[in-house]
Structures are given as structure tokens and as C-alpha cells.
C-alpha atoms as a PDB file:
ATOM      1  CA  UNK A   1       7.642 -11.747 -20.944  1.00  0.00           C
ATOM      2  CA  UNK A   2       7.140  -8.154 -19.898  1.00  0.00           C
ATOM      3  CA  UNK A   3       4.767  -8.073 -16.594  1.00  0.00           C
ATOM      4  CA  UNK A   4       2.667  -5.158 -15.477  1.00  0.00           C
ATOM      5  CA  UNK A   5       1.049  -4.673 -11.779  1.00  0.00           C
ATOM      6  CA  UNK A   6      -2.272  -2.772 -11.875  1.00  0.00           C
ATOM      7  CA  UNK A   7      -3.731  -2.435  -8.528  1.00  0.00           C
ATOM      8  CA  UNK A   8      -7.568  -2.184  -8.054  1.00  0.00           C
ATOM      9  CA  UNK A   9      -7.692  -3.713 -11.710  1.00  0.00           C
ATOM     10  CA  UNK A  10     -11.194  -5.484 -11.255  1.00  0.00           C
ATOM     11  CA  UNK A  11     -13.128  -2.516 -12.006  1.00  0.00           C
ATOM     12  CA  UNK A  12     -13.541   0.936 -13.707  1.00  0.00           C
ATOM     13  CA  UNK A  13     -10.240   2.599 -14.432  1.00  0.00           C
ATOM     14  CA  UNK A  14      -7.908  -0.042 -13.067  1.00  0.00           C
ATOM     15  CA  UNK A  15      -9.830  -2.402 -15.422  1.00  0.00           C
ATOM     16  CA  UNK A  16      -9.496  -0.086 -18.583  1.00  0.00           C
ATOM     17  CA  UNK A  17      -5.367  -0.060 -17.640  1.00  0.00           C
ATOM     18  CA  UNK A  18      -5.195  -3.714 -17.311  1.00  0.00           C
ATOM     19  CA  UNK A  19      -6.936  -4.331 -20.664  1.00  0.00           C
ATOM     20  CA  UNK A  20      -4.850  -1.494 -22.382  1.00  0.00           C
ATOM     21  CA  UNK A  21      -1.525  -2.563 -21.197  1.00  0.00           C
ATOM     22  CA  UNK A  22      -2.444  -6.300 -22.156  1.00  0.00           C
ATOM     23  CA  UNK A  23      -2.939  -4.937 -25.775  1.00  0.00           C
ATOM     24  CA  UNK A  24       0.255  -3.338 -25.508  1.00  0.00           C
ATOM     25  CA  UNK A  25       1.905  -6.793 -24.799  1.00  0.00           C
ATOM     26  CA  UNK A  26       2.163  -6.937 -21.263  1.00  0.00           C
ATOM     27  CA  UNK A  27       1.227  -9.948 -19.178  1.00  0.00           C
ATOM     28  CA  UNK A  28      -0.998  -8.190 -16.709  1.00  0.00           C
ATOM     29  CA  UNK A  29      -1.051  -8.891 -12.986  1.00  0.00           C
ATOM     30  CA  UNK A  30      -4.617  -8.090 -11.905  1.00  0.00           C
ATOM     31  CA  UNK A  31      -4.609  -7.118  -8.196  1.00  0.00           C
ATOM     32  CA  UNK A  32      -8.169  -6.859  -6.262  1.00  0.00           C
ATOM     33  CA  UNK A  33      -8.959  -7.251  -2.749  1.00  0.00           C
ATOM     34  CA  UNK A  34     -12.305  -8.935  -2.385  1.00  0.00           C
ATOM     35  CA  UNK A  35     -14.327  -9.078  -5.741  1.00  0.00           C
ATOM     36  CA  UNK A  36     -13.188 -11.964  -7.054  1.00  0.00           C
ATOM     37  CA  UNK A  37     -16.061 -12.291  -9.784  1.00  0.00           C
ATOM     38  CA  UNK A  38     -15.118  -8.857 -11.350  1.00  0.00           C
ATOM     39  CA  UNK A  39     -11.333  -9.883 -11.150  1.00  0.00           C
ATOM     40  CA  UNK A  40     -12.005 -12.879 -12.937  1.00  0.00           C
ATOM     41  CA  UNK A  41     -14.203 -11.074 -15.570  1.00  0.00           C
ATOM     42  CA  UNK A  42     -11.274  -8.780 -16.097  1.00  0.00           C
ATOM     43  CA  UNK A  43      -9.026 -11.498 -16.598  1.00  0.00           C
ATOM     44  CA  UNK A  44     -11.552 -13.087 -19.050  1.00  0.00           C
ATOM     45  CA  UNK A  45     -11.761 -10.004 -21.321  1.00  0.00           C
ATOM     46  CA  UNK A  46      -8.034  -9.984 -21.498  1.00  0.00           C
ATOM     47  CA  UNK A  47      -7.734 -13.296 -22.709  1.00  0.00           C
ATOM     48  CA  UNK A  48     -10.725 -13.132 -24.990  1.00  0.00           C
ATOM     49  CA  UNK A  49      -8.597 -10.608 -26.796  1.00  0.00           C
ATOM     50  CA  UNK A  50      -5.559 -12.408 -27.057  1.00  0.00           C
ATOM     51  CA  UNK A  51      -3.697 -11.293 -24.014  1.00  0.00           C
ATOM     52  CA  UNK A  52      -2.163 -12.736 -21.029  1.00  0.00           C
ATOM     53  CA  UNK A  53      -3.297 -12.148 -17.197  1.00  0.00           C
ATOM     54  CA  UNK A  54      -3.225 -13.498 -13.899  1.00  0.00           C
ATOM     55  CA  UNK A  55      -4.798 -12.669 -10.498  1.00  0.00           C
ATOM     56  CA  UNK A  56      -2.897 -11.465  -7.676  1.00  0.00           C
ATOM     57  CA  UNK A  57      -5.059 -10.620  -4.801  1.00  0.00           C
ATOM     58  CA  UNK A  58      -4.081  -8.626  -1.931  1.00  0.00           C
ATOM     59  CA  UNK A  59      -5.147  -5.794   0.437  1.00  0.00           C
ATOM     60  CA  UNK A  60      -3.177  -2.499  -0.632  1.00  0.00           C
ATOM     61  CA  UNK A  61      -3.701  -1.336   2.887  1.00  0.00           C
ATOM     62  CA  UNK A  62      -1.760  -4.387   4.306  1.00  0.00           C
ATOM     63  CA  UNK A  63       1.863  -4.190   3.977  1.00  0.00           C
ATOM     64  CA  UNK A  64       2.298  -7.740   5.243  1.00  0.00           C
ATOM     65  CA  UNK A  65      -0.373  -8.940   2.627  1.00  0.00           C
ATOM     66  CA  UNK A  66       1.420  -7.117  -0.325  1.00  0.00           C
ATOM     67  CA  UNK A  67       4.935  -8.437   0.820  1.00  0.00           C
ATOM     68  CA  UNK A  68       3.600 -12.079   1.046  1.00  0.00           C
ATOM     69  CA  UNK A  69       1.802 -11.930  -2.348  1.00  0.00           C
ATOM     70  CA  UNK A  70       4.414 -10.424  -4.328  1.00  0.00           C
ATOM     71  CA  UNK A  71       7.071 -12.624  -2.596  1.00  0.00           C
ATOM     72  CA  UNK A  72       5.190 -15.478  -3.613  1.00  0.00           C
ATOM     73  CA  UNK A  73       4.807 -14.321  -7.189  1.00  0.00           C
ATOM     74  CA  UNK A  74       8.553 -13.913  -7.423  1.00  0.00           C
ATOM     75  CA  UNK A  75       9.240 -17.247  -6.260  1.00  0.00           C
ATOM     76  CA  UNK A  76       6.979 -18.786  -9.121  1.00  0.00           C
ATOM     77  CA  UNK A  77       8.472 -16.539 -11.662  1.00  0.00           C
ATOM     78  CA  UNK A  78      12.455 -17.001 -11.243  1.00  0.00           C
ATOM     79  CA  UNK A  79      14.596 -14.747 -13.525  1.00  0.00           C
ATOM     80  CA  UNK A  80      11.443 -12.360 -14.564  1.00  0.00           C
ATOM     81  CA  UNK A  81      10.455  -9.182 -12.819  1.00  0.00           C
ATOM     82  CA  UNK A  82       7.603  -6.410 -12.939  1.00  0.00           C
ATOM     83  CA  UNK A  83       8.645  -3.610 -15.075  1.00  0.00           C
ATOM     84  CA  UNK A  84       5.318  -1.714 -15.021  1.00  0.00           C
ATOM     85  CA  UNK A  85       3.549  -0.789 -11.736  1.00  0.00           C
ATOM     86  CA  UNK A  86       0.343   1.333 -12.062  1.00  0.00           C
ATOM     87  CA  UNK A  87      -0.608   2.177  -8.450  1.00  0.00           C
ATOM     88  CA  UNK A  88      -4.328   2.835  -9.032  1.00  0.00           C
ATOM     89  CA  UNK A  89      -6.144   1.239  -5.811  1.00  0.00           C
ATOM     90  CA  UNK A  90      -7.868   3.727  -3.849  1.00  0.00           C
ATOM     91  CA  UNK A  91     -11.195   4.284  -1.965  1.00  0.00           C
ATOM     92  CA  UNK A  92     -13.748   7.191  -1.114  1.00  0.00           C
ATOM     93  CA  UNK A  93     -14.950   7.910   2.111  1.00  0.00           C
ATOM     94  CA  UNK A  94     -16.550  11.558   1.489  1.00  0.00           C
ATOM     95  CA  UNK A  95     -17.777  13.852   4.129  1.00  0.00           C
ATOM     96  CA  UNK A  96     -17.313  17.065   5.707  1.00  0.00           C
ATOM     97  CA  UNK A  97     -13.951  17.292   7.616  1.00  0.00           C
ATOM     98  CA  UNK A  98     -16.390  18.267  10.807  1.00  0.00           C
ATOM     99  CA  UNK A  99     -17.935  15.207  10.555  1.00  0.00           C
ATOM    100  CA  UNK A 100     -15.223  12.675   9.493  1.00  0.00           C
ATOM    101  CA  UNK A 101     -14.687   9.842  11.454  1.00  0.00           C
ATOM    102  CA  UNK A 102     -11.072   8.758  12.492  1.00  0.00           C
ATOM    103  CA  UNK A 103     -11.605   5.618  10.686  1.00  0.00           C
ATOM    104  CA  UNK A 104     -12.726   7.148   7.064  1.00  0.00           C
ATOM    105  CA  UNK A 105      -9.538   9.239   7.457  1.00  0.00           C
ATOM    106  CA  UNK A 106      -7.145   6.457   8.092  1.00  0.00           C
ATOM    107  CA  UNK A 107      -8.633   3.983   5.813  1.00  0.00           C
ATOM    108  CA  UNK A 108      -8.585   6.445   2.706  1.00  0.00           C
ATOM    109  CA  UNK A 109      -5.078   7.292   3.864  1.00  0.00           C
ATOM    110  CA  UNK A 110      -3.738   3.512   4.171  1.00  0.00           C
ATOM    111  CA  UNK A 111      -5.254   2.591   0.900  1.00  0.00           C
ATOM    112  CA  UNK A 112      -3.441   5.019  -1.225  1.00  0.00           C
ATOM    113  CA  UNK A 113      -0.190   5.741   0.815  1.00  0.00           C
ATOM    114  CA  UNK A 114       0.496   2.301   2.219  1.00  0.00           C
ATOM    115  CA  UNK A 115      -0.296   0.673  -1.173  1.00  0.00           C
ATOM    116  CA  UNK A 116       1.816   2.928  -2.776  1.00  0.00           C
ATOM    117  CA  UNK A 117       4.994   2.488  -0.388  1.00  0.00           C
ATOM    118  CA  UNK A 118       4.686  -1.308   0.164  1.00  0.00           C
ATOM    119  CA  UNK A 119       4.044  -2.144  -3.471  1.00  0.00           C
ATOM    120  CA  UNK A 120       6.674   0.264  -4.926  1.00  0.00           C
ATOM    121  CA  UNK A 121       9.113  -0.877  -2.546  1.00  0.00           C
ATOM    122  CA  UNK A 122       8.856  -4.310  -3.421  1.00  0.00           C
ATOM    123  CA  UNK A 123       9.026  -4.091  -7.089  1.00  0.00           C
ATOM    124  CA  UNK A 124      11.540  -1.154  -7.502  1.00  0.00           C
ATOM    125  CA  UNK A 125      14.887  -2.927  -6.779  1.00  0.00           C
ATOM    126  CA  UNK A 126      14.183  -5.213  -9.928  1.00  0.00           C
ATOM    127  CA  UNK A 127      13.433  -2.164 -11.952  1.00  0.00           C
ATOM    128  CA  UNK A 128      16.771  -0.453 -10.729  1.00  0.00           C
ATOM    129  CA  UNK A 129      18.732  -3.573 -11.556  1.00  0.00           C
ATOM    130  CA  UNK A 130      17.303  -4.048 -15.316  1.00  0.00           C
ATOM    131  CA  UNK A 131      17.853  -0.244 -15.691  1.00  0.00           C
ATOM    132  CA  UNK A 132      14.245   0.198 -17.066  1.00  0.00           C
ATOM    133  CA  UNK A 133      10.989   0.605 -15.497  1.00  0.00           C
ATOM    134  CA  UNK A 134       7.515   2.600 -15.552  1.00  0.00           C
ATOM    135  CA  UNK A 135       5.489   3.528 -12.239  1.00  0.00           C
ATOM    136  CA  UNK A 136       2.580   5.315 -12.827  1.00  0.00           C
ATOM    137  CA  UNK A 137       0.521   6.809  -9.737  1.00  0.00           C
ATOM    138  CA  UNK A 138      -3.032   7.229 -10.381  1.00  0.00           C
ATOM    139  CA  UNK A 139      -3.694  10.329  -8.242  1.00  0.00           C
ATOM    140  CA  UNK A 140      -6.852  12.790  -8.692  1.00  0.00           C
ATOM    141  CA  UNK A 141      -7.729  16.233  -9.331  1.00  0.00           C
ATOM    142  CA  UNK A 142      -8.647  16.314  -5.798  1.00  0.00           C
ATOM    143  CA  UNK A 143      -4.808  15.825  -5.061  1.00  0.00           C
ATOM    144  CA  UNK A 144      -4.206  18.810  -7.184  1.00  0.00           C
ATOM    145  CA  UNK A 145      -6.570  21.490  -6.191  1.00  0.00           C
ATOM    146  CA  UNK A 146      -8.562  19.813  -3.353  1.00  0.00           C
ATOM    147  CA  UNK A 147     -12.338  19.328  -3.199  1.00  0.00           C
ATOM    148  CA  UNK A 148     -14.672  20.109  -0.525  1.00  0.00           C
ATOM    149  CA  UNK A 149     -16.181  16.961   1.322  1.00  0.00           C
ATOM    150  CA  UNK A 150     -12.888  15.267   0.172  1.00  0.00           C
ATOM    151  CA  UNK A 151     -10.232  16.335   2.862  1.00  0.00           C
ATOM    152  CA  UNK A 152      -8.903  12.820   3.288  1.00  0.00           C
ATOM    153  CA  UNK A 153      -9.302  11.781  -0.355  1.00  0.00           C
ATOM    154  CA  UNK A 154      -7.356  15.042  -1.492  1.00  0.00           C
ATOM    155  CA  UNK A 155      -4.860  14.510   1.193  1.00  0.00           C
ATOM    156  CA  UNK A 156      -4.137  11.195  -0.016  1.00  0.00           C
ATOM    157  CA  UNK A 157      -4.044  11.999  -3.448  1.00  0.00           C
ATOM    158  CA  UNK A 158      -1.848  14.982  -2.954  1.00  0.00           C
ATOM    159  CA  UNK A 159       0.703  12.662  -0.814  1.00  0.00           C
ATOM    160  CA  UNK A 160       1.150  10.692  -3.933  1.00  0.00           C
ATOM    161  CA  UNK A 161       1.735  13.460  -6.137  1.00  0.00           C
ATOM    162  CA  UNK A 162       4.854  14.371  -3.623  1.00  0.00           C
ATOM    163  CA  UNK A 163       6.151  10.709  -3.655  1.00  0.00           C
ATOM    164  CA  UNK A 164       5.907  10.789  -7.313  1.00  0.00           C
ATOM    165  CA  UNK A 165       7.993  13.835  -7.702  1.00  0.00           C
ATOM    166  CA  UNK A 166      10.371  12.684  -4.856  1.00  0.00           C
ATOM    167  CA  UNK A 167      10.764   9.096  -6.413  1.00  0.00           C
ATOM    168  CA  UNK A 168      11.078  10.247  -9.743  1.00  0.00           C
ATOM    169  CA  UNK A 169      14.523  12.234  -9.019  1.00  0.00           C
ATOM    170  CA  UNK A 170      16.112   9.163  -7.026  1.00  0.00           C
ATOM    171  CA  UNK A 171      15.389   6.809  -9.729  1.00  0.00           C
ATOM    172  CA  UNK A 172      15.609   8.998 -13.033  1.00  0.00           C
ATOM    173  CA  UNK A 173      19.391   7.737 -13.563  1.00  0.00           C
ATOM    174  CA  UNK A 174      18.552   4.414 -13.671  1.00  0.00           C
ATOM    175  CA  UNK A 175      15.993   4.961 -16.484  1.00  0.00           C
ATOM    176  CA  UNK A 176      13.065   4.319 -14.260  1.00  0.00           C
ATOM    177  CA  UNK A 177      10.365   6.937 -14.650  1.00  0.00           C
ATOM    178  CA  UNK A 178       7.605   7.920 -12.245  1.00  0.00           C
ATOM    179  CA  UNK A 179       4.744   9.916 -13.221  1.00  0.00           C
ATOM    180  CA  UNK A 180       1.514  10.544 -11.748  1.00  0.00           C
ATOM    181  CA  UNK A 181      -2.027  10.676 -13.632  1.00  0.00           C
ATOM    182  CA  UNK A 182      -4.990  13.070 -12.001  1.00  0.00           C
ATOM    183  CA  UNK A 183      -8.145  12.262 -13.436  1.00  0.00           C
ATOM    184  CA  UNK A 184     -11.292  14.430 -12.705  1.00  0.00           C
ATOM    185  CA  UNK A 185     -14.683  12.982 -12.958  1.00  0.00           C
ATOM    186  CA  UNK A 186     -14.392   9.827 -14.753  1.00  0.00           C
ATOM    187  CA  UNK A 187     -17.701   7.792 -15.378  1.00  0.00           C
ATOM    188  CA  UNK A 188     -17.082   4.663 -13.056  1.00  0.00           C
ATOM    189  CA  UNK A 189     -18.865   2.938 -10.289  1.00  0.00           C
ATOM    190  CA  UNK A 190     -16.847   5.091  -8.021  1.00  0.00           C
ATOM    191  CA  UNK A 191     -18.483   8.059  -9.485  1.00  0.00           C
ATOM    192  CA  UNK A 192     -21.903   6.445  -9.748  1.00  0.00           C
ATOM    193  CA  UNK A 193     -23.269   8.304  -6.664  1.00  0.00           C
ATOM    194  CA  UNK A 194     -22.344  11.640  -7.702  1.00  0.00           C
ATOM    195  CA  UNK A 195     -24.885  14.138  -9.419  1.00  0.00           C
ATOM    196  CA  UNK A 196     -23.511  13.951 -13.127  1.00  0.00           C
ATOM    197  CA  UNK A 197     -26.117  16.243 -14.608  1.00  0.00           C
ATOM    198  CA  UNK A 198     -24.967  19.001 -12.252  1.00  0.00           C
ATOM    199  CA  UNK A 199     -21.306  18.401 -12.152  1.00  0.00           C
ATOM    200  CA  UNK A 200     -21.163  18.436 -15.863  1.00  0.00           C
ATOM    201  CA  UNK A 201     -21.870  22.154 -15.503  1.00  0.00           C
ATOM    202  CA  UNK A 202     -18.495  22.521 -13.962  1.00  0.00           C
ATOM    203  CA  UNK A 203     -16.701  20.865 -16.392  1.00  0.00           C
ATOM    204  CA  UNK A 204     -15.363  22.962 -19.368  1.00  0.00           C
ATOM    205  CA  UNK A 205     -15.633  19.935 -21.857  1.00  0.00           C
ATOM    206  CA  UNK A 206     -19.030  19.293 -20.778  1.00  0.00           C
ATOM    207  CA  UNK A 207     -18.956  15.589 -19.657  1.00  0.00           C
ATOM    208  CA  UNK A 208     -17.495  13.089 -17.405  1.00  0.00           C
ATOM    209  CA  UNK A 209     -14.294  11.284 -18.771  1.00  0.00           C
ATOM    210  CA  UNK A 210     -13.937   7.651 -19.927  1.00  0.00           C
ATOM    211  CA  UNK A 211     -11.800   5.148 -18.237  1.00  0.00           C
ATOM    212  CA  UNK A 212     -10.451   4.125 -21.560  1.00  0.00           C
ATOM    213  CA  UNK A 213      -9.132   7.893 -22.097  1.00  0.00           C
ATOM    214  CA  UNK A 214      -7.239   7.377 -18.877  1.00  0.00           C
ATOM    215  CA  UNK A 215      -5.936   4.189 -19.740  1.00  0.00           C
ATOM    216  CA  UNK A 216      -4.510   5.685 -23.039  1.00  0.00           C
ATOM    217  CA  UNK A 217      -2.617   8.028 -21.177  1.00  0.00           C
ATOM    218  CA  UNK A 218      -1.196   5.464 -18.846  1.00  0.00           C
ATOM    219  CA  UNK A 219      -0.222   3.441 -21.806  1.00  0.00           C
ATOM    220  CA  UNK A 220       1.712   6.312 -23.280  1.00  0.00           C
ATOM    221  CA  UNK A 221       3.565   7.176 -20.121  1.00  0.00           C
ATOM    222  CA  UNK A 222       4.540   3.353 -19.970  1.00  0.00           C
ATOM    223  CA  UNK A 223       5.797   3.333 -23.597  1.00  0.00           C
ATOM    224  CA  UNK A 224       9.314   3.785 -24.552  1.00  0.00           C
ATOM    225  CA  UNK A 225       7.961   7.070 -26.245  1.00  0.00           C
ATOM    226  CA  UNK A 226       7.798   8.466 -22.896  1.00  0.00           C
ATOM    227  CA  UNK A 227      11.295   7.701 -21.536  1.00  0.00           C
ATOM    228  CA  UNK A 228      12.221  11.489 -21.200  1.00  0.00           C
ATOM    229  CA  UNK A 229       9.057  12.125 -19.166  1.00  0.00           C
ATOM    230  CA  UNK A 230       9.249  11.664 -15.218  1.00  0.00           C
ATOM    231  CA  UNK A 231       8.284  13.451 -12.266  1.00  0.00           C
ATOM    232  CA  UNK A 232       5.291  14.890 -13.820  1.00  0.00           C
ATOM    233  CA  UNK A 233       1.452  15.192 -12.799  1.00  0.00           C
ATOM    234  CA  UNK A 234      -0.658  15.066 -15.816  1.00  0.00           C
ATOM    235  CA  UNK A 235      -4.374  16.059 -15.354  1.00  0.00           C
ATOM    236  CA  UNK A 236      -7.143  14.364 -17.540  1.00  0.00           C
ATOM    237  CA  UNK A 237     -10.071  16.411 -16.046  1.00  0.00           C
ATOM    238  CA  UNK A 238     -12.065  17.764 -19.202  1.00  0.00           C
ATOM    239  CA  UNK A 239     -10.455  21.239 -18.312  1.00  0.00           C
ATOM    240  CA  UNK A 240     -10.954  21.677 -14.637  1.00  0.00           C
ATOM    241  CA  UNK A 241      -8.063  22.924 -12.868  1.00  0.00           C
END
């Protein structure tokens, strides 16, 4: 059995990735924090299409919670390991830096950077031993070029890009690839509060992207065909750059 863990998989881009990887033949571990109903809906959708999935709740900003959840999973799946990890979970707390609270800064940074560190550190040794693994980090166009009103989010996603490039060099010889995907404006509940009509004017493609388009890219990066691609940041943003 091939296992893929997708953090923040109950909604939006995470759900689309989970569903796509299930179609690719992975048993998908659906991580979520508190929205059990949405996570169960994702699981049901995967199973309705003949896929396999299980729920794996933990708060990605809490290192101890991550370790406890993954250690429990390991114990229940002796002899098996997670071969694909998609670090997708993230939060937005937008606001101009001059007005930004310390908690808004730390919450966004913790969710992205602590989630990456603790989750990746736990699953990486098994990938290295197996001499095969795929890690895809969901960054953002904000982390590539920065967006006003998103200093915290831009900083967190830029950190993820730096970590991607460094880690890819550490594990390439063990046939573990590490890449980042940087979406632009994607039509999900996370962008529902944005002025889509106005923002479309800034996008050369003239529209918001679809979660399924991001999922298709992630699917490719997790495939055998992408074995020679590592340390890359691939923008999927309709021409914004």
C-alpha cells in the first residue's frame, strides 16, 4: 500500500490534492484540525470513487500533537510508511504591517513553518531508508514576490521555499524529491473574501485558478515521471509573476 499524507486536506486545495492522489492509487491520510464534518466529506468523496482514505487529525502548529498522531499511526501500520507528504496547511491573517498584531504574525508563521518542520521530520527517515519519497510544499505567489497586506503570509511561504531548496539538496542522493508549488489566486473558501472581479484584472489569464489545477501539478510532482525534478518552485498563477 502506498500512503500519502496531505495536511489541511479537508477543504479547498488540500481536498483537491487528496482526491487526486487517491485517484493515483494512494491511500490518503486526510489531516485536518477541527472541521471534522469537512474532513469526513473529503473521505466519503474519495471512497465513493473507489479510493482509500483515513482521517488523521492534528494541529499543524503544535509539534507535540503532530508527533503523537504520527507515532500512533506508525504503530498501527507496522512495516508501512508514508511515501508522499504534501505540506498544504496554512492560514491567512491579512493586514498592513503597521497594524498587525503579534498573534497574527505568530499564528501564520507557526502554521506554515512548524507544520513543515515537525511533519517532515517525522516522515523523512522512512523515505530515506526506502530510497524513495516525494515531498511537495504548498507555498504561494506571496512567498515568491510578496503581496501588500500579507507580510506575515509572504514571510511564512518564503520560508517554505527556502526550506524546500535546502532539504532537496540533503536528500536527493536518496531519491527523495522536494519541490514547492506556488499558487496564485485559486477559487477556494480561503479566497472567498477577496474582490475577485478586481483581482482578475491583474491576472494575465483573466481568471482565478481551480483547486483541481493545483492538484494536477502536485500529482505530477509525486509521480515517477518527476523523479529528476527537485528543489524547484513552480508557480501556478495564471501569469502573475
